[in-house]
Amino acid sequence: MKFFRRSLVAAIIMLLLFAPALSAAEMEGVMMRNGKMMLMKHGKAAMPMDTDVTMTNGTVVSSDGTIKLKGGREFRMHNGQMMMMDGHLMKGGMATGMQPQSNPIGRPMLYP
């Protein structure tokens, strides 16, 4: 049983290490840039957003930066954040969670 668990953990680690990362050419979505929402094509800002964009997971991003999750929760994007077309939120090229984080005061906040 221990051998099976160790093998499973090793296999998961190998998959994570060798999983292909998105190259800039594959990055498509929307990004908050200098306070304006931009459509991203092939990793570069293509044009300003003028209509709402619905991601494949049902998340809706509006042209003012408001994100409406499928469950009804809403929050706003900050400069530098990008949402991929599959609904993954990225900050500075790294994926971030979509769950609220706690701040030291104890009140929930969406992003630091």
N, C-alpha and C. Protein backbone atom coordinates (compact mmCIF):
# COMPACT_ATOMS: atom_id res chain seq x y z
N MET A 1 0.82 -1.20 0.00
CA MET A 1 0.00 0.00 0.00
C MET A 1 0.87 1.26 0.00
N LYS A 2 1.95 1.25 0.78
CA LYS A 2 2.84 2.40 0.82
C LYS A 2 3.50 2.62 -0.54
N PHE A 3 3.85 1.51 -1.20
CA PHE A 3 4.47 1.61 -2.52
C PHE A 3 3.50 2.28 -3.50
N PHE A 4 2.23 1.90 -3.44
CA PHE A 4 1.23 2.48 -4.33
C PHE A 4 1.09 3.98 -4.09
N ARG A 5 1.01 4.39 -2.83
CA ARG A 5 0.90 5.81 -2.50
C ARG A 5 2.12 6.59 -2.98
N ARG A 6 3.29 6.05 -2.73
CA ARG A 6 4.52 6.73 -3.17
C ARG A 6 4.58 6.82 -4.69
N SER A 7 4.16 5.78 -5.37
CA SER A 7 4.15 5.79 -6.83
C SER A 7 3.16 6.83 -7.36
N LEU A 8 2.01 6.90 -6.72
CA LEU A 8 1.00 7.88 -7.13
C LEU A 8 1.49 9.30 -6.92
N VAL A 9 2.10 9.57 -5.78
CA VAL A 9 2.65 10.90 -5.50
C VAL A 9 3.75 11.24 -6.50
N ALA A 10 4.61 10.29 -6.80
CA ALA A 10 5.69 10.52 -7.76
C ALA A 10 5.12 10.80 -9.15
N ALA A 11 4.08 10.09 -9.53
CA ALA A 11 3.47 10.30 -10.85
C ALA A 11 2.84 11.68 -10.93
N ILE A 12 2.18 12.11 -9.88
CA ILE A 12 1.55 13.44 -9.87
C ILE A 12 2.62 14.52 -9.96
N ILE A 13 3.70 14.36 -9.21
CA ILE A 13 4.78 15.34 -9.25
C ILE A 13 5.39 15.40 -10.65
N MET A 14 5.60 14.27 -11.28
CA MET A 14 6.16 14.24 -12.64
C MET A 14 5.23 14.94 -13.62
N LEU A 15 3.92 14.71 -13.49
CA LEU A 15 2.97 15.37 -14.38
C LEU A 15 3.01 16.88 -14.21
N LEU A 16 3.09 17.33 -12.95
CA LEU A 16 3.13 18.76 -12.70
C LEU A 16 4.42 19.39 -13.22
N LEU A 17 5.52 18.69 -13.08
CA LEU A 17 6.80 19.22 -13.53
C LEU A 17 6.89 19.33 -15.05
N PHE A 18 6.32 18.35 -15.73
CA PHE A 18 6.45 18.31 -17.18
C PHE A 18 5.20 18.76 -17.92
N ALA A 19 4.20 19.26 -17.21
CA ALA A 19 3.00 19.77 -17.86
C ALA A 19 3.38 21.01 -18.67
N PRO A 20 2.90 21.12 -19.88
CA PRO A 20 3.27 22.28 -20.70
C PRO A 20 2.66 23.56 -20.14
N ALA A 21 3.49 24.57 -20.00
CA ALA A 21 3.02 25.88 -19.56
C ALA A 21 2.51 26.63 -20.77
N LEU A 22 1.57 27.55 -20.53
CA LEU A 22 1.06 28.35 -21.62
C LEU A 22 2.16 29.28 -22.12
N SER A 23 2.36 29.29 -23.41
CA SER A 23 3.29 30.26 -23.97
C SER A 23 2.50 31.54 -24.24
N ALA A 24 3.21 32.63 -24.45
CA ALA A 24 2.54 33.91 -24.70
C ALA A 24 1.65 33.82 -25.92
N ALA A 25 2.03 33.01 -26.90
CA ALA A 25 1.24 32.90 -28.12
C ALA A 25 -0.10 32.21 -27.88
N GLU A 26 -0.21 31.43 -26.80
CA GLU A 26 -1.45 30.72 -26.50
C GLU A 26 -2.36 31.47 -25.54
N MET A 27 -1.91 32.59 -24.99
CA MET A 27 -2.66 33.30 -23.98
C MET A 27 -3.72 34.20 -24.62
N GLU A 28 -4.97 33.85 -24.41
CA GLU A 28 -6.07 34.67 -24.89
C GLU A 28 -7.03 34.87 -23.74
N GLY A 29 -7.52 36.08 -23.62
CA GLY A 29 -8.45 36.41 -22.56
C GLY A 29 -8.63 37.91 -22.48
N VAL A 30 -8.83 38.40 -21.27
CA VAL A 30 -9.00 39.83 -21.04
C VAL A 30 -8.06 40.25 -19.93
N MET A 31 -7.65 41.52 -19.95
CA MET A 31 -6.68 42.01 -18.97
C MET A 31 -7.01 43.44 -18.58
N MET A 32 -6.85 43.74 -17.28
CA MET A 32 -6.97 45.11 -16.80
C MET A 32 -5.60 45.75 -16.98
N ARG A 33 -5.54 46.78 -17.79
CA ARG A 33 -4.26 47.44 -18.09
C ARG A 33 -4.47 48.95 -17.99
N ASN A 34 -3.76 49.57 -17.05
CA ASN A 34 -3.88 51.02 -16.82
C ASN A 34 -5.33 51.45 -16.60
N GLY A 35 -6.07 50.65 -15.87
CA GLY A 35 -7.45 50.98 -15.54
C GLY A 35 -8.46 50.71 -16.63
N LYS A 36 -8.04 50.10 -17.74
CA LYS A 36 -8.93 49.79 -18.85
C LYS A 36 -8.87 48.31 -19.17
N MET A 37 -10.00 47.75 -19.52
CA MET A 37 -10.07 46.34 -19.89
C MET A 37 -9.67 46.19 -21.35
N MET A 38 -8.75 45.25 -21.59
CA MET A 38 -8.25 45.00 -22.93
C MET A 38 -8.46 43.54 -23.29
N LEU A 39 -8.81 43.29 -24.56
CA LEU A 39 -8.86 41.92 -25.08
C LEU A 39 -7.44 41.51 -25.41
N MET A 40 -7.07 40.29 -25.02
CA MET A 40 -5.72 39.79 -25.28
C MET A 40 -5.80 38.69 -26.33
N LYS A 41 -4.97 38.82 -27.35
CA LYS A 41 -4.86 37.80 -28.40
C LYS A 41 -3.39 37.47 -28.55
N HIS A 42 -3.05 36.19 -28.52
CA HIS A 42 -1.68 35.73 -28.68
C HIS A 42 -0.73 36.40 -27.69
N GLY A 43 -1.22 36.66 -26.47
CA GLY A 43 -0.38 37.21 -25.41
C GLY A 43 -0.17 38.70 -25.45
N LYS A 44 -0.83 39.40 -26.36
CA LYS A 44 -0.67 40.85 -26.48
C LYS A 44 -2.04 41.53 -26.47
N ALA A 45 -2.05 42.76 -25.97
CA ALA A 45 -3.29 43.52 -25.96
C ALA A 45 -3.71 43.79 -27.40
N ALA A 46 -4.91 43.35 -27.76
CA ALA A 46 -5.38 43.50 -29.13
C ALA A 46 -6.22 44.75 -29.29
N MET A 47 -7.18 44.96 -28.37
CA MET A 47 -8.07 46.11 -28.47
C MET A 47 -8.80 46.31 -27.16
N PRO A 48 -9.30 47.51 -26.92
CA PRO A 48 -10.09 47.74 -25.70
C PRO A 48 -11.41 46.96 -25.76
N MET A 49 -11.86 46.52 -24.59
CA MET A 49 -13.15 45.82 -24.51
C MET A 49 -14.27 46.85 -24.57
N ASP A 50 -15.29 46.58 -25.38
CA ASP A 50 -16.44 47.46 -25.40
C ASP A 50 -17.74 46.74 -25.06
N THR A 51 -17.68 45.41 -24.96
CA THR A 51 -18.85 44.62 -24.57
C THR A 51 -18.43 43.58 -23.53
N ASP A 52 -19.41 42.99 -22.86
CA ASP A 52 -19.14 41.92 -21.90
C ASP A 52 -18.58 40.70 -22.64
N VAL A 53 -17.70 39.96 -21.93
CA VAL A 53 -17.13 38.73 -22.49
C VAL A 53 -17.49 37.60 -21.54
N THR A 54 -18.05 36.51 -22.08
CA THR A 54 -18.39 35.33 -21.28
C THR A 54 -17.33 34.27 -21.51
N MET A 55 -16.73 33.81 -20.42
CA MET A 55 -15.69 32.78 -20.49
C MET A 55 -16.34 31.41 -20.61
N THR A 56 -15.55 30.41 -20.94
CA THR A 56 -16.11 29.07 -21.17
C THR A 56 -16.69 28.45 -19.90
N ASN A 57 -16.28 28.92 -18.72
CA ASN A 57 -16.83 28.37 -17.48
C ASN A 57 -18.06 29.14 -16.99
N GLY A 58 -18.54 30.11 -17.78
CA GLY A 58 -19.73 30.86 -17.42
C GLY A 58 -19.47 32.18 -16.73
N THR A 59 -18.23 32.49 -16.40
CA THR A 59 -17.87 33.76 -15.79
C THR A 59 -18.05 34.87 -16.82
N VAL A 60 -18.63 36.00 -16.39
CA VAL A 60 -18.83 37.13 -17.29
C VAL A 60 -17.94 38.28 -16.82
N VAL A 61 -17.15 38.82 -17.75
CA VAL A 61 -16.29 39.96 -17.45
C VAL A 61 -16.83 41.15 -18.23
N SER A 62 -17.14 42.24 -17.50
CA SER A 62 -17.68 43.42 -18.16
C SER A 62 -16.56 44.39 -18.51
N SER A 63 -16.88 45.36 -19.35
CA SER A 63 -15.87 46.29 -19.84
C SER A 63 -15.35 47.24 -18.76
N ASP A 64 -16.02 47.32 -17.60
CA ASP A 64 -15.50 48.14 -16.50
C ASP A 64 -14.64 47.34 -15.53
N GLY A 65 -14.41 46.05 -15.82
CA GLY A 65 -13.55 45.22 -15.00
C GLY A 65 -14.28 44.39 -13.96
N THR A 66 -15.60 44.45 -13.93
CA THR A 66 -16.38 43.66 -12.98
C THR A 66 -16.47 42.22 -13.47
N ILE A 67 -16.17 41.30 -12.56
CA ILE A 67 -16.25 39.87 -12.85
C ILE A 67 -17.46 39.32 -12.11
N LYS A 68 -18.33 38.63 -12.84
CA LYS A 68 -19.50 37.98 -12.24
C LYS A 68 -19.33 36.48 -12.40
N LEU A 69 -19.12 35.80 -11.27
CA LEU A 69 -18.96 34.36 -11.30
C LEU A 69 -20.30 33.70 -11.53
N LYS A 70 -20.27 32.47 -11.99
CA LYS A 70 -21.49 31.73 -12.29
C LYS A 70 -22.40 31.62 -11.06
N GLY A 71 -21.80 31.54 -9.88
CA GLY A 71 -22.57 31.43 -8.64
C GLY A 71 -23.19 32.74 -8.17
N GLY A 72 -22.89 33.86 -8.85
CA GLY A 72 -23.49 35.14 -8.49
C GLY A 72 -22.55 36.11 -7.81
N ARG A 73 -21.40 35.65 -7.33
CA ARG A 73 -20.47 36.55 -6.65
C ARG A 73 -19.82 37.50 -7.66
N GLU A 74 -19.58 38.74 -7.22
CA GLU A 74 -18.97 39.74 -8.08
C GLU A 74 -17.76 40.35 -7.40
N PHE A 75 -16.76 40.71 -8.21
CA PHE A 75 -15.62 41.49 -7.75
C PHE A 75 -15.00 42.17 -8.95
N ARG A 76 -14.05 43.06 -8.70
CA ARG A 76 -13.42 43.82 -9.79
C ARG A 76 -11.98 43.38 -9.99
N MET A 77 -11.55 43.45 -11.23
CA MET A 77 -10.16 43.14 -11.56
C MET A 77 -9.29 44.34 -11.21
N HIS A 78 -8.03 44.05 -10.90
CA HIS A 78 -7.03 45.08 -10.61
C HIS A 78 -6.03 45.13 -11.76
N ASN A 79 -5.30 46.24 -11.85
CA ASN A 79 -4.28 46.37 -12.89
C ASN A 79 -3.33 45.19 -12.88
N GLY A 80 -3.05 44.65 -14.05
CA GLY A 80 -2.13 43.53 -14.18
C GLY A 80 -2.80 42.17 -14.14
N GLN A 81 -4.04 42.10 -13.70
CA GLN A 81 -4.73 40.82 -13.66
C GLN A 81 -5.26 40.48 -15.05
N MET A 82 -5.22 39.19 -15.36
CA MET A 82 -5.71 38.70 -16.65
C MET A 82 -6.60 37.50 -16.39
N MET A 83 -7.71 37.43 -17.10
CA MET A 83 -8.55 36.25 -17.02
C MET A 83 -8.49 35.54 -18.36
N MET A 84 -8.10 34.27 -18.30
CA MET A 84 -8.01 33.45 -19.50
C MET A 84 -9.43 33.11 -19.96
N MET A 85 -9.56 32.71 -21.21
CA MET A 85 -10.88 32.40 -21.77
C MET A 85 -11.55 31.22 -21.05
N ASP A 86 -10.76 30.38 -20.36
CA ASP A 86 -11.36 29.28 -19.62
C ASP A 86 -11.80 29.69 -18.21
N GLY A 87 -11.58 30.97 -17.84
CA GLY A 87 -12.04 31.47 -16.56
C GLY A 87 -10.98 31.51 -15.48
N HIS A 88 -9.75 31.10 -15.75
CA HIS A 88 -8.68 31.17 -14.75
C HIS A 88 -8.18 32.60 -14.64
N LEU A 89 -8.11 33.09 -13.42
CA LEU A 89 -7.63 34.44 -13.15
C LEU A 89 -6.13 34.39 -12.94
N MET A 90 -5.40 35.26 -13.63
CA MET A 90 -3.95 35.28 -13.54
C MET A 90 -3.51 36.66 -13.08
N LYS A 91 -2.46 36.67 -12.27
CA LYS A 91 -1.89 37.95 -11.82
C LYS A 91 -0.40 37.89 -12.06
N GLY A 92 0.09 38.71 -12.94
CA GLY A 92 1.51 38.72 -13.24
C GLY A 92 1.99 37.42 -13.86
N GLY A 93 1.12 36.75 -14.62
CA GLY A 93 1.49 35.51 -15.29
C GLY A 93 1.31 34.27 -14.44
N MET A 94 0.85 34.42 -13.20
CA MET A 94 0.65 33.28 -12.31
C MET A 94 -0.83 33.15 -11.99
N ALA A 95 -1.33 31.94 -12.03
CA ALA A 95 -2.73 31.71 -11.72
C ALA A 95 -3.00 31.99 -10.25
N THR A 96 -4.14 32.61 -9.98
CA THR A 96 -4.55 32.88 -8.60
C THR A 96 -5.87 32.21 -8.34
N GLY A 97 -6.17 31.96 -7.08
CA GLY A 97 -7.44 31.35 -6.72
C GLY A 97 -8.57 32.36 -6.84
N MET A 98 -9.78 31.87 -6.90
CA MET A 98 -10.93 32.74 -7.01
C MET A 98 -11.70 32.80 -5.70
N GLN A 99 -11.16 32.23 -4.64
CA GLN A 99 -11.81 32.26 -3.34
C GLN A 99 -11.31 33.47 -2.55
N PRO A 100 -12.16 34.09 -1.72
CA PRO A 100 -11.72 35.23 -0.93
C PRO A 100 -10.60 34.83 0.03
N GLN A 101 -9.69 35.73 0.23
CA GLN A 101 -8.62 35.52 1.20
C GLN A 101 -8.94 36.35 2.43
N SER A 102 -8.39 35.97 3.57
CA SER A 102 -8.61 36.74 4.79
C SER A 102 -7.49 37.73 4.99
N ASN A 103 -7.82 38.91 5.46
CA ASN A 103 -6.78 39.88 5.78
C ASN A 103 -6.54 39.85 7.28
N PRO A 104 -5.50 40.52 7.77
CA PRO A 104 -5.17 40.45 9.21
C PRO A 104 -6.29 40.94 10.12
N ILE A 105 -7.17 41.80 9.64
CA ILE A 105 -8.24 42.33 10.47
C ILE A 105 -9.34 41.30 10.68
N GLY A 106 -9.38 40.30 9.79
CA GLY A 106 -10.37 39.25 9.95
C GLY A 106 -11.53 39.36 8.98
N ARG A 107 -11.61 40.48 8.26
CA ARG A 107 -12.66 40.61 7.26
C ARG A 107 -12.19 40.00 5.96
N PRO A 108 -13.08 39.32 5.22
CA PRO A 108 -12.65 38.74 3.96
C PRO A 108 -12.35 39.82 2.94
N MET A 109 -11.33 39.56 2.14
CA MET A 109 -11.03 40.46 1.02
C MET A 109 -10.78 39.58 -0.20
N LEU A 110 -10.99 40.14 -1.37
CA LEU A 110 -10.86 39.32 -2.57
C LEU A 110 -9.41 39.16 -2.98
N TYR A 111 -8.66 40.23 -3.06
CA TYR A 111 -7.27 40.15 -3.46
C TYR A 111 -6.49 41.24 -2.76
N PRO A 112 -5.27 40.93 -2.35
CA PRO A 112 -4.46 41.93 -1.64
C PRO A 112 -4.07 43.08 -2.55
